[in-house]
Amino acid sequence: MDPRIIAAAAGLAALTVLWGAWWLWWRLPKRQVDRLRLTIRDPKARVDVEDNYRKNIGQILVGVAAALIASMFTYLQFEQRDRELAQQAQESHATRSAS
């Protein structure tokens, strides 16, 4: 596959993830608090509720990002180990053939 297509797809995926994170962190709390407009009449209380929503969503986003990064490193370690085992098997086979 063409590396430019892969880079474009990765860039589009990154932008989509960033937009989704922004929407979850900034827009969703505003929408949720707007629904509570009739229940919570004090503007300061609404701002506090919106802030609490943002804190919770921020913690969730950081947790998901940490899990994805840890998964990526684990995958890279498995790939590295797989390459090493394949190389050892190849060297072992070459040594047996030479004998």
PDB file of N, CA and C in Angstrom:
ATOM      1  N   MET A   1       0.850  -1.177   0.000  1.00  0.00           N
ATOM      2  CA  MET A   1       0.000   0.000   0.000  1.00  0.00           C
ATOM      3  C   MET A   1       0.898   1.244   0.000  1.00  0.00           C
ATOM      4  N   ASP A   2       0.423   2.247  -0.663  1.00  0.00           N
ATOM      5  CA  ASP A   2       1.181   3.493  -0.804  1.00  0.00           C
ATOM      6  C   ASP A   2       1.326   4.194   0.556  1.00  0.00           C
ATOM      7  N   PRO A   3       2.556   4.555   0.937  1.00  0.00           N
ATOM      8  CA  PRO A   3       2.761   5.220   2.240  1.00  0.00           C
ATOM      9  C   PRO A   3       2.008   6.539   2.368  1.00  0.00           C
ATOM     10  N   ARG A   4       1.779   7.226   1.249  1.00  0.00           N
ATOM     11  CA  ARG A   4       1.034   8.494   1.320  1.00  0.00           C
ATOM     12  C   ARG A   4      -0.407   8.258   1.714  1.00  0.00           C
ATOM     13  N   ILE A   5      -0.987   7.153   1.233  1.00  0.00           N
ATOM     14  CA  ILE A   5      -2.372   6.827   1.596  1.00  0.00           C
ATOM     15  C   ILE A   5      -2.450   6.479   3.080  1.00  0.00           C
ATOM     16  N   ILE A   6      -1.454   5.721   3.548  1.00  0.00           N
ATOM     17  CA  ILE A   6      -1.427   5.358   4.966  1.00  0.00           C
ATOM     18  C   ILE A   6      -1.269   6.603   5.829  1.00  0.00           C
ATOM     19  N   ALA A   7      -0.375   7.505   5.422  1.00  0.00           N
ATOM     20  CA  ALA A   7      -0.165   8.744   6.178  1.00  0.00           C
ATOM     21  C   ALA A   7      -1.430   9.600   6.175  1.00  0.00           C
ATOM     22  N   ALA A   8      -2.111   9.682   5.031  1.00  0.00           N
ATOM     23  CA  ALA A   8      -3.349  10.461   4.952  1.00  0.00           C
ATOM     24  C   ALA A   8      -4.429   9.848   5.837  1.00  0.00           C
ATOM     25  N   ALA A   9      -4.534   8.521   5.829  1.00  0.00           N
ATOM     26  CA  ALA A   9      -5.538   7.848   6.662  1.00  0.00           C
ATOM     27  C   ALA A   9      -5.212   8.045   8.139  1.00  0.00           C
ATOM     28  N   ALA A  10      -3.934   7.958   8.487  1.00  0.00           N
ATOM     29  CA  ALA A  10      -3.541   8.166   9.886  1.00  0.00           C
ATOM     30  C   ALA A  10      -3.812   9.610  10.316  1.00  0.00           C
ATOM     31  N   GLY A  11      -3.541  10.563   9.434  1.00  0.00           N
ATOM     32  CA  GLY A  11      -3.819  11.963   9.743  1.00  0.00           C
ATOM     33  C   GLY A  11      -5.311  12.208   9.929  1.00  0.00           C
ATOM     34  N   LEU A  12      -6.116  11.619   9.054  1.00  0.00           N
ATOM     35  CA  LEU A  12      -7.571  11.766   9.167  1.00  0.00           C
ATOM     36  C   LEU A  12      -8.079  11.125  10.455  1.00  0.00           C
ATOM     37  N   ALA A  13      -7.533   9.960  10.789  1.00  0.00           N
ATOM     38  CA  ALA A  13      -7.937   9.293  12.034  1.00  0.00           C
ATOM     39  C   ALA A  13      -7.542  10.139  13.244  1.00  0.00           C
ATOM     40  N   ALA A  14      -6.343  10.725  13.209  1.00  0.00           N
ATOM     41  CA  ALA A  14      -5.896  11.563  14.326  1.00  0.00           C
ATOM     42  C   ALA A  14      -6.791  12.793  14.478  1.00  0.00           C
ATOM     43  N   LEU A  15      -7.132  13.420  13.357  1.00  0.00           N
ATOM     44  CA  LEU A  15      -8.022  14.585  13.426  1.00  0.00           C
ATOM     45  C   LEU A  15      -9.399  14.206  13.950  1.00  0.00           C
ATOM     46  N   THR A  16      -9.895  13.059  13.534  1.00  0.00           N
ATOM     47  CA  THR A  16     -11.201  12.596  14.003  1.00  0.00           C
ATOM     48  C   THR A  16     -11.169  12.342  15.512  1.00  0.00           C
ATOM     49  N   VAL A  17     -10.104  11.713  15.984  1.00  0.00           N
ATOM     50  CA  VAL A  17      -9.974  11.441  17.418  1.00  0.00           C
ATOM     51  C   VAL A  17      -9.872  12.753  18.194  1.00  0.00           C
ATOM     52  N   LEU A  18      -9.076  13.695  17.696  1.00  0.00           N
ATOM     53  CA  LEU A  18      -8.946  14.988  18.377  1.00  0.00           C
ATOM     54  C   LEU A  18     -10.274  15.743  18.399  1.00  0.00           C
ATOM     55  N   TRP A  19     -10.983  15.728  17.289  1.00  0.00           N
ATOM     56  CA  TRP A  19     -12.283  16.400  17.252  1.00  0.00           C
ATOM     57  C   TRP A  19     -13.244  15.737  18.232  1.00  0.00           C
ATOM     58  N   GLY A  20     -13.256  14.404  18.266  1.00  0.00           N
ATOM     59  CA  GLY A  20     -14.134  13.685  19.191  1.00  0.00           C
ATOM     60  C   GLY A  20     -13.793  13.986  20.645  1.00  0.00           C
ATOM     61  N   ALA A  21     -12.497  14.040  20.952  1.00  0.00           N
ATOM     62  CA  ALA A  21     -12.086  14.356  22.322  1.00  0.00           C
ATOM     63  C   ALA A  21     -12.497  15.777  22.688  1.00  0.00           C
ATOM     64  N   TRP A  22     -12.302  16.712  21.747  1.00  0.00           N
ATOM     65  CA  TRP A  22     -12.721  18.093  22.008  1.00  0.00           C
ATOM     66  C   TRP A  22     -14.223  18.150  22.257  1.00  0.00           C
ATOM     67  N   TRP A  23     -14.999  17.472  21.416  1.00  0.00           N
ATOM     68  CA  TRP A  23     -16.458  17.511  21.561  1.00  0.00           C
ATOM     69  C   TRP A  23     -16.873  16.917  22.903  1.00  0.00           C
ATOM     70  N   LEU A  24     -16.270  15.779  23.252  1.00  0.00           N
ATOM     71  CA  LEU A  24     -16.612  15.155  24.532  1.00  0.00           C
ATOM     72  C   LEU A  24     -16.243  16.044  25.712  1.00  0.00           C
ATOM     73  N   TRP A  25     -15.079  16.698  25.620  1.00  0.00           N
ATOM     74  CA  TRP A  25     -14.591  17.464  26.760  1.00  0.00           C
ATOM     75  C   TRP A  25     -15.208  18.857  26.845  1.00  0.00           C
ATOM     76  N   TRP A  26     -15.515  19.483  25.719  1.00  0.00           N
ATOM     77  CA  TRP A  26     -15.992  20.862  25.751  1.00  0.00           C
ATOM     78  C   TRP A  26     -17.491  20.982  25.496  1.00  0.00           C
ATOM     79  N   ARG A  27     -17.986  20.359  24.442  1.00  0.00           N
ATOM     80  CA  ARG A  27     -19.385  20.552  24.054  1.00  0.00           C
ATOM     81  C   ARG A  27     -20.365  19.719  24.872  1.00  0.00           C
ATOM     82  N   LEU A  28     -20.020  18.457  25.140  1.00  0.00           N
ATOM     83  CA  LEU A  28     -20.962  17.593  25.860  1.00  0.00           C
ATOM     84  C   LEU A  28     -21.337  18.138  27.235  1.00  0.00           C
ATOM     85  N   PRO A  29     -20.381  18.593  28.056  1.00  0.00           N
ATOM     86  CA  PRO A  29     -20.791  19.155  29.358  1.00  0.00           C
ATOM     87  C   PRO A  29     -21.728  20.349  29.224  1.00  0.00           C
ATOM     88  N   LYS A  30     -21.499  21.201  28.214  1.00  0.00           N
ATOM     89  CA  LYS A  30     -22.393  22.344  28.011  1.00  0.00           C
ATOM     90  C   LYS A  30     -23.809  21.871  27.689  1.00  0.00           C
ATOM     91  N   ARG A  31     -23.912  20.855  26.839  1.00  0.00           N
ATOM     92  CA  ARG A  31     -25.231  20.329  26.483  1.00  0.00           C
ATOM     93  C   ARG A  31     -25.920  19.704  27.689  1.00  0.00           C
ATOM     94  N   GLN A  32     -25.145  18.961  28.492  1.00  0.00           N
ATOM     95  CA  GLN A  32     -25.730  18.323  29.658  1.00  0.00           C
ATOM     96  C   GLN A  32     -26.232  19.357  30.665  1.00  0.00           C
ATOM     97  N   VAL A  33     -25.455  20.392  30.882  1.00  0.00           N
ATOM     98  CA  VAL A  33     -25.848  21.427  31.851  1.00  0.00           C
ATOM     99  C   VAL A  33     -27.026  22.237  31.313  1.00  0.00           C
ATOM    100  N   ASP A  34     -27.084  22.458  30.003  1.00  0.00           N
ATOM    101  CA  ASP A  34     -28.235  23.171  29.439  1.00  0.00           C
ATOM    102  C   ASP A  34     -29.536  22.425  29.712  1.00  0.00           C
ATOM    103  N   ARG A  35     -29.473  21.098  29.728  1.00  0.00           N
ATOM    104  CA  ARG A  35     -30.669  20.315  30.046  1.00  0.00           C
ATOM    105  C   ARG A  35     -31.107  20.507  31.500  1.00  0.00           C
ATOM    106  N   LEU A  36     -30.152  20.857  32.364  1.00  0.00           N
ATOM    107  CA  LEU A  36     -30.449  21.050  33.785  1.00  0.00           C
ATOM    108  C   LEU A  36     -30.824  22.493  34.112  1.00  0.00           C
ATOM    109  N   ARG A  37     -30.991  23.314  33.099  1.00  0.00           N
ATOM    110  CA  ARG A  37     -31.252  24.740  33.279  1.00  0.00           C
ATOM    111  C   ARG A  37     -32.478  24.987  34.164  1.00  0.00           C
ATOM    112  N   LEU A  38     -33.515  24.180  33.992  1.00  0.00           N
ATOM    113  CA  LEU A  38     -34.721  24.387  34.797  1.00  0.00           C
ATOM    114  C   LEU A  38     -34.594  23.774  36.191  1.00  0.00           C
ATOM    115  N   THR A  39     -33.744  22.768  36.317  1.00  0.00           N
ATOM    116  CA  THR A  39     -33.560  22.108  37.610  1.00  0.00           C
ATOM    117  C   THR A  39     -32.606  22.889  38.504  1.00  0.00           C
ATOM    118  N   ILE A  40     -31.490  23.331  37.910  1.00  0.00           N
ATOM    119  CA  ILE A  40     -30.480  24.091  38.670  1.00  0.00           C
ATOM    120  C   ILE A  40     -30.548  25.542  38.197  1.00  0.00           C
ATOM    121  N   ARG A  41     -31.115  26.393  39.001  1.00  0.00           N
ATOM    122  CA  ARG A  41     -31.334  27.779  38.578  1.00  0.00           C
ATOM    123  C   ARG A  41     -30.128  28.686  38.856  1.00  0.00           C
ATOM    124  N   ASP A  42     -29.302  28.321  39.802  1.00  0.00           N
ATOM    125  CA  ASP A  42     -28.145  29.144  40.168  1.00  0.00           C
ATOM    126  C   ASP A  42     -27.041  28.982  39.105  1.00  0.00           C
ATOM    127  N   PRO A  43     -26.618  30.074  38.461  1.00  0.00           N
ATOM    128  CA  PRO A  43     -25.577  29.975  37.424  1.00  0.00           C
ATOM    129  C   PRO A  43     -24.261  29.408  37.945  1.00  0.00           C
ATOM    130  N   LYS A  44     -23.889  29.765  39.183  1.00  0.00           N
ATOM    131  CA  LYS A  44     -22.644  29.238  39.756  1.00  0.00           C
ATOM    132  C   LYS A  44     -22.729  27.728  39.923  1.00  0.00           C
ATOM    133  N   ALA A  45     -23.858  27.236  40.350  1.00  0.00           N
ATOM    134  CA  ALA A  45     -24.040  25.796  40.527  1.00  0.00           C
ATOM    135  C   ALA A  45     -23.962  25.080  39.172  1.00  0.00           C
ATOM    136  N   ARG A  46     -24.537  25.690  38.132  1.00  0.00           N
ATOM    137  CA  ARG A  46     -24.468  25.090  36.791  1.00  0.00           C
ATOM    138  C   ARG A  46     -23.019  25.034  36.300  1.00  0.00           C
ATOM    139  N   VAL A  47     -22.257  26.103  36.553  1.00  0.00           N
ATOM    140  CA  VAL A  47     -20.847  26.115  36.156  1.00  0.00           C
ATOM    141  C   VAL A  47     -20.076  25.030  36.908  1.00  0.00           C
ATOM    142  N   ASP A  48     -20.390  24.849  38.193  1.00  0.00           N
ATOM    143  CA  ASP A  48     -19.728  23.805  38.975  1.00  0.00           C
ATOM    144  C   ASP A  48     -20.051  22.417  38.424  1.00  0.00           C
ATOM    145  N   VAL A  49     -21.307  22.203  38.052  1.00  0.00           N
ATOM    146  CA  VAL A  49     -21.697  20.913  37.477  1.00  0.00           C
ATOM    147  C   VAL A  49     -20.976  20.692  36.147  1.00  0.00           C
ATOM    148  N   GLU A  50     -20.914  21.732  35.320  1.00  0.00           N
ATOM    149  CA  GLU A  50     -20.208  21.634  34.031  1.00  0.00           C
ATOM    150  C   GLU A  50     -18.732  21.313  34.258  1.00  0.00           C
ATOM    151  N   ASP A  51     -18.130  21.951  35.246  1.00  0.00           N
ATOM    152  CA  ASP A  51     -16.726  21.697  35.567  1.00  0.00           C
ATOM    153  C   ASP A  51     -16.526  20.246  36.012  1.00  0.00           C
ATOM    154  N   ASN A  52     -17.449  19.741  36.823  1.00  0.00           N
ATOM    155  CA  ASN A  52     -17.346  18.346  37.268  1.00  0.00           C
ATOM    156  C   ASN A  52     -17.473  17.380  36.089  1.00  0.00           C
ATOM    157  N   TYR A  53     -18.372  17.676  35.158  1.00  0.00           N
ATOM    158  CA  TYR A  53     -18.474  16.857  33.949  1.00  0.00           C
ATOM    159  C   TYR A  53     -17.131  16.844  33.214  1.00  0.00           C
ATOM    160  N   ARG A  54     -16.538  18.013  33.064  1.00  0.00           N
ATOM    161  CA  ARG A  54     -15.258  18.106  32.347  1.00  0.00           C
ATOM    162  C   ARG A  54     -14.153  17.325  33.052  1.00  0.00           C
ATOM    163  N   LYS A  55     -14.130  17.406  34.372  1.00  0.00           N
ATOM    164  CA  LYS A  55     -13.109  16.657  35.114  1.00  0.00           C
ATOM    165  C   LYS A  55     -13.263  15.164  34.882  1.00  0.00           C
ATOM    166  N   ASN A  56     -14.498  14.676  34.958  1.00  0.00           N
ATOM    167  CA  ASN A  56     -14.737  13.245  34.754  1.00  0.00           C
ATOM    168  C   ASN A  56     -14.382  12.815  33.331  1.00  0.00           C
ATOM    169  N   ILE A  57     -14.801  13.591  32.362  1.00  0.00           N
ATOM    170  CA  ILE A  57     -14.513  13.251  30.971  1.00  0.00           C
ATOM    171  C   ILE A  57     -13.010  13.320  30.712  1.00  0.00           C
ATOM    172  N   GLY A  58     -12.343  14.306  31.283  1.00  0.00           N
ATOM    173  CA  GLY A  58     -10.891  14.405  31.136  1.00  0.00           C
ATOM    174  C   GLY A  58     -10.181  13.184  31.702  1.00  0.00           C
ATOM    175  N   GLN A  59     -10.626  12.722  32.857  1.00  0.00           N
ATOM    176  CA  GLN A  59     -10.020  11.530  33.447  1.00  0.00           C
ATOM    177  C   GLN A  59     -10.252  10.305  32.568  1.00  0.00           C
ATOM    178  N   ILE A  60     -11.431  10.186  32.008  1.00  0.00           N
ATOM    179  CA  ILE A  60     -11.723   9.066  31.116  1.00  0.00           C
ATOM    180  C   ILE A  60     -10.841   9.126  29.876  1.00  0.00           C
ATOM    181  N   LEU A  61     -10.713  10.319  29.274  1.00  0.00           N
ATOM    182  CA  LEU A  61      -9.884  10.459  28.073  1.00  0.00           C
ATOM    183  C   LEU A  61      -8.420  10.140  28.361  1.00  0.00           C
ATOM    184  N   VAL A  62      -7.909  10.600  29.497  1.00  0.00           N
ATOM    185  CA  VAL A  62      -6.518  10.299  29.853  1.00  0.00           C
ATOM    186  C   VAL A  62      -6.345   8.798  30.084  1.00  0.00           C
ATOM    187  N   GLY A  63      -7.303   8.173  30.724  1.00  0.00           N
ATOM    188  CA  GLY A  63      -7.231   6.728  30.953  1.00  0.00           C
ATOM    189  C   GLY A  63      -7.240   5.937  29.652  1.00  0.00           C
ATOM    190  N   VAL A  64      -8.102   6.331  28.727  1.00  0.00           N
ATOM    191  CA  VAL A  64      -8.155   5.655  27.424  1.00  0.00           C
ATOM    192  C   VAL A  64      -6.850   5.863  26.670  1.00  0.00           C
ATOM    193  N   ALA A  65      -6.325   7.082  26.694  1.00  0.00           N
ATOM    194  CA  ALA A  65      -5.057   7.355  26.003  1.00  0.00           C
ATOM    195  C   ALA A  65      -3.924   6.528  26.612  1.00  0.00           C
ATOM    196  N   ALA A  66      -3.878   6.431  27.927  1.00  0.00           N
ATOM    197  CA  ALA A  66      -2.836   5.634  28.583  1.00  0.00           C
ATOM    198  C   ALA A  66      -2.963   4.162  28.211  1.00  0.00           C
ATOM    199  N   ALA A  67      -4.187   3.656  28.168  1.00  0.00           N
ATOM    200  CA  ALA A  67      -4.392   2.258  27.787  1.00  0.00           C
ATOM    201  C   ALA A  67      -3.964   2.013  26.340  1.00  0.00           C
ATOM    202  N   LEU A  68      -4.271   2.952  25.449  1.00  0.00           N
ATOM    203  CA  LEU A  68      -3.862   2.798  24.049  1.00  0.00           C
ATOM    204  C   LEU A  68      -2.346   2.839  23.901  1.00  0.00           C
ATOM    205  N   ILE A  69      -1.696   3.729  24.615  1.00  0.00           N
ATOM    206  CA  ILE A  69      -0.235   3.823  24.538  1.00  0.00           C
ATOM    207  C   ILE A  69       0.393   2.550  25.099  1.00  0.00           C
ATOM    208  N   ALA A  70      -0.120   2.059  26.215  1.00  0.00           N
ATOM    209  CA  ALA A  70       0.411   0.814  26.791  1.00  0.00           C
ATOM    210  C   ALA A  70       0.201  -0.353  25.833  1.00  0.00           C
ATOM    211  N   SER A  71      -0.956  -0.401  25.182  1.00  0.00           N
ATOM    212  CA  SER A  71      -1.221  -1.460  24.208  1.00  0.00           C
ATOM    213  C   SER A  71      -0.265  -1.376  23.027  1.00  0.00           C
ATOM    214  N   MET A  72       0.030  -0.161  22.587  1.00  0.00           N
ATOM    215  CA  MET A  72       0.947   0.011  21.468  1.00  0.00           C
ATOM    216  C   MET A  72       2.342  -0.496  21.839  1.00  0.00           C
ATOM    217  N   PHE A  73       2.831  -0.135  23.022  1.00  0.00           N
ATOM    218  CA  PHE A  73       4.149  -0.601  23.440  1.00  0.00           C
ATOM    219  C   PHE A  73       4.180  -2.119  23.601  1.00  0.00           C
ATOM    220  N   THR A  74       3.119  -2.703  24.118  1.00  0.00           N
ATOM    221  CA  THR A  74       3.050  -4.155  24.257  1.00  0.00           C
ATOM    222  C   THR A  74       3.096  -4.821  22.890  1.00  0.00           C
ATOM    223  N   TYR A  75       2.343  -4.290  21.942  1.00  0.00           N
ATOM    224  CA  TYR A  75       2.351  -4.829  20.582  1.00  0.00           C
ATOM    225  C   TYR A  75       3.752  -4.737  19.973  1.00  0.00           C
ATOM    226  N   LEU A  76       4.409  -3.590  20.148  1.00  0.00           N
ATOM    227  CA  LEU A  76       5.756  -3.431  19.602  1.00  0.00           C
ATOM    228  C   LEU A  76       6.735  -4.411  20.242  1.00  0.00           C
ATOM    229  N   GLN A  77       6.593  -4.674  21.535  1.00  0.00           N
ATOM    230  CA  GLN A  77       7.460  -5.653  22.191  1.00  0.00           C
ATOM    231  C   GLN A  77       7.229  -7.049  21.637  1.00  0.00           C
ATOM    232  N   PHE A  78       5.970  -7.419  21.423  1.00  0.00           N
ATOM    233  CA  PHE A  78       5.674  -8.729  20.846  1.00  0.00           C
ATOM    234  C   PHE A  78       6.238  -8.847  19.433  1.00  0.00           C
ATOM    235  N   GLU A  79       6.102  -7.798  18.654  1.00  0.00           N
ATOM    236  CA  GLU A  79       6.652  -7.811  17.290  1.00  0.00           C
ATOM    237  C   GLU A  79       8.172  -7.949  17.327  1.00  0.00           C
ATOM    238  N   GLN A  80       8.828  -7.229  18.217  1.00  0.00           N
ATOM    239  CA  GLN A  80      10.287  -7.313  18.358  1.00  0.00           C
ATOM    240  C   GLN A  80      10.689  -8.737  18.727  1.00  0.00           C
ATOM    241  N   ARG A  81      10.005  -9.314  19.694  1.00  0.00           N
ATOM    242  CA  ARG A  81      10.312 -10.680  20.140  1.00  0.00           C
ATOM    243  C   ARG A  81      10.066 -11.675  19.012  1.00  0.00           C
ATOM    244  N   ASP A  82       9.014 -11.479  18.242  1.00  0.00           N
ATOM    245  CA  ASP A  82       8.715 -12.365  17.119  1.00  0.00           C
ATOM    246  C   ASP A  82       9.816 -12.300  16.065  1.00  0.00           C
ATOM    247  N   ARG A  83      10.300 -11.103  15.764  1.00  0.00           N
ATOM    248  CA  ARG A  83      11.404 -10.964  14.802  1.00  0.00           C
ATOM    249  C   ARG A  83      12.667 -11.647  15.316  1.00  0.00           C
ATOM    250  N   GLU A  84      12.955 -11.484  16.619  1.00  0.00           N
ATOM    251  CA  GLU A  84      14.136 -12.117  17.197  1.00  0.00           C
ATOM    252  C   GLU A  84      14.039 -13.639  17.122  1.00  0.00           C
ATOM    253  N   LEU A  85      12.876 -14.193  17.435  1.00  0.00           N
ATOM    254  CA  LEU A  85      12.700 -15.641  17.364  1.00  0.00           C
ATOM    255  C   LEU A  85      12.831 -16.150  15.935  1.00  0.00           C
ATOM    256  N   ALA A  86      12.277 -15.411  14.980  1.00  0.00           N
ATOM    257  CA  ALA A  86      12.399 -15.810  13.579  1.00  0.00           C
ATOM    258  C   ALA A  86      13.857 -15.768  13.137  1.00  0.00           C
ATOM    259  N   GLN A  87      14.599 -14.769  13.559  1.00  0.00           N
ATOM    260  CA  GLN A  87      16.012 -14.659  13.205  1.00  0.00           C
ATOM    261  C   GLN A  87      16.806 -15.803  13.846  1.00  0.00           C
ATOM    262  N   GLN A  88      16.510 -16.131  15.102  1.00  0.00           N
ATOM    263  CA  GLN A  88      17.205 -17.239  15.757  1.00  0.00           C
ATOM    264  C   GLN A  88      16.914 -18.557  15.057  1.00  0.00           C
ATOM    265  N   ALA A  89      15.672 -18.762  14.665  1.00  0.00           N
ATOM    266  CA  ALA A  89      15.309 -19.999  13.958  1.00  0.00           C
ATOM    267  C   ALA A  89      16.032 -20.077  12.619  1.00  0.00           C
ATOM    268  N   GLN A  90      16.129 -18.957  11.928  1.00  0.00           N
ATOM    269  CA  GLN A  90      16.829 -18.917  10.646  1.00  0.00           C
ATOM    270  C   GLN A  90      18.311 -19.224  10.834  1.00  0.00           C
ATOM    271  N   GLU A  91      18.932 -18.630  11.851  1.00  0.00           N
ATOM    272  CA  GLU A  91      20.349 -18.884  12.119  1.00  0.00           C
ATOM    273  C   GLU A  91      20.570 -20.337  12.530  1.00  0.00           C
ATOM    274  N   SER A  92      19.649 -20.885  13.312  1.00  0.00           N
ATOM    275  CA  SER A  92      19.767 -22.287  13.727  1.00  0.00           C
ATOM    276  C   SER A  92      19.656 -23.211  12.518  1.00  0.00           C
ATOM    277  N   HIS A  93      18.731 -22.908  11.622  1.00  0.00           N
ATOM    278  CA  HIS A  93      18.559 -23.713  10.420  1.00  0.00           C
ATOM    279  C   HIS A  93      19.792 -23.613   9.517  1.00  0.00           C
ATOM    280  N   ALA A  94      20.352 -22.413   9.412  1.00  0.00           N
ATOM    281  CA  ALA A  94      21.568 -22.229   8.582  1.00  0.00           C
ATOM    282  C   ALA A  94      22.744 -22.982   9.191  1.00  0.00           C
ATOM    283  N   THR A  95      22.848 -23.004  10.527  1.00  0.00           N
ATOM    284  CA  THR A  95      23.946 -23.711  11.194  1.00  0.00           C
ATOM    285  C   THR A  95      23.815 -25.218  10.976  1.00  0.00           C
ATOM    286  N   ARG A  96      22.608 -25.761  11.051  1.00  0.00           N
ATOM    287  CA  ARG A  96      22.374 -27.194  10.834  1.00  0.00           C
ATOM    288  C   ARG A  96      22.667 -27.581   9.391  1.00  0.00           C
ATOM    289  N   SER A  97      22.283 -26.694   8.473  1.00  0.00           N
ATOM    290  CA  SER A  97      22.514 -26.987   7.043  1.00  0.00           C
ATOM    291  C   SER A  97      23.990 -26.964   6.715  1.00  0.00           C
ATOM    292  N   ALA A  98      24.763 -26.107   7.364  1.00  0.00           N
ATOM    293  CA  ALA A  98      26.193 -25.992   7.085  1.00  0.00           C
ATOM    294  C   ALA A  98      26.958 -27.184   7.641  1.00  0.00           C
ATOM    295  N   SER A  99      26.433 -27.860   8.678  1.00  0.00           N
ATOM    296  CA  SER A  99      27.154 -28.960   9.314  1.00  0.00           C
ATOM    297  C   SER A  99      27.118 -30.222   8.515  1.00  0.00           C
TER     298      SER A  99
END
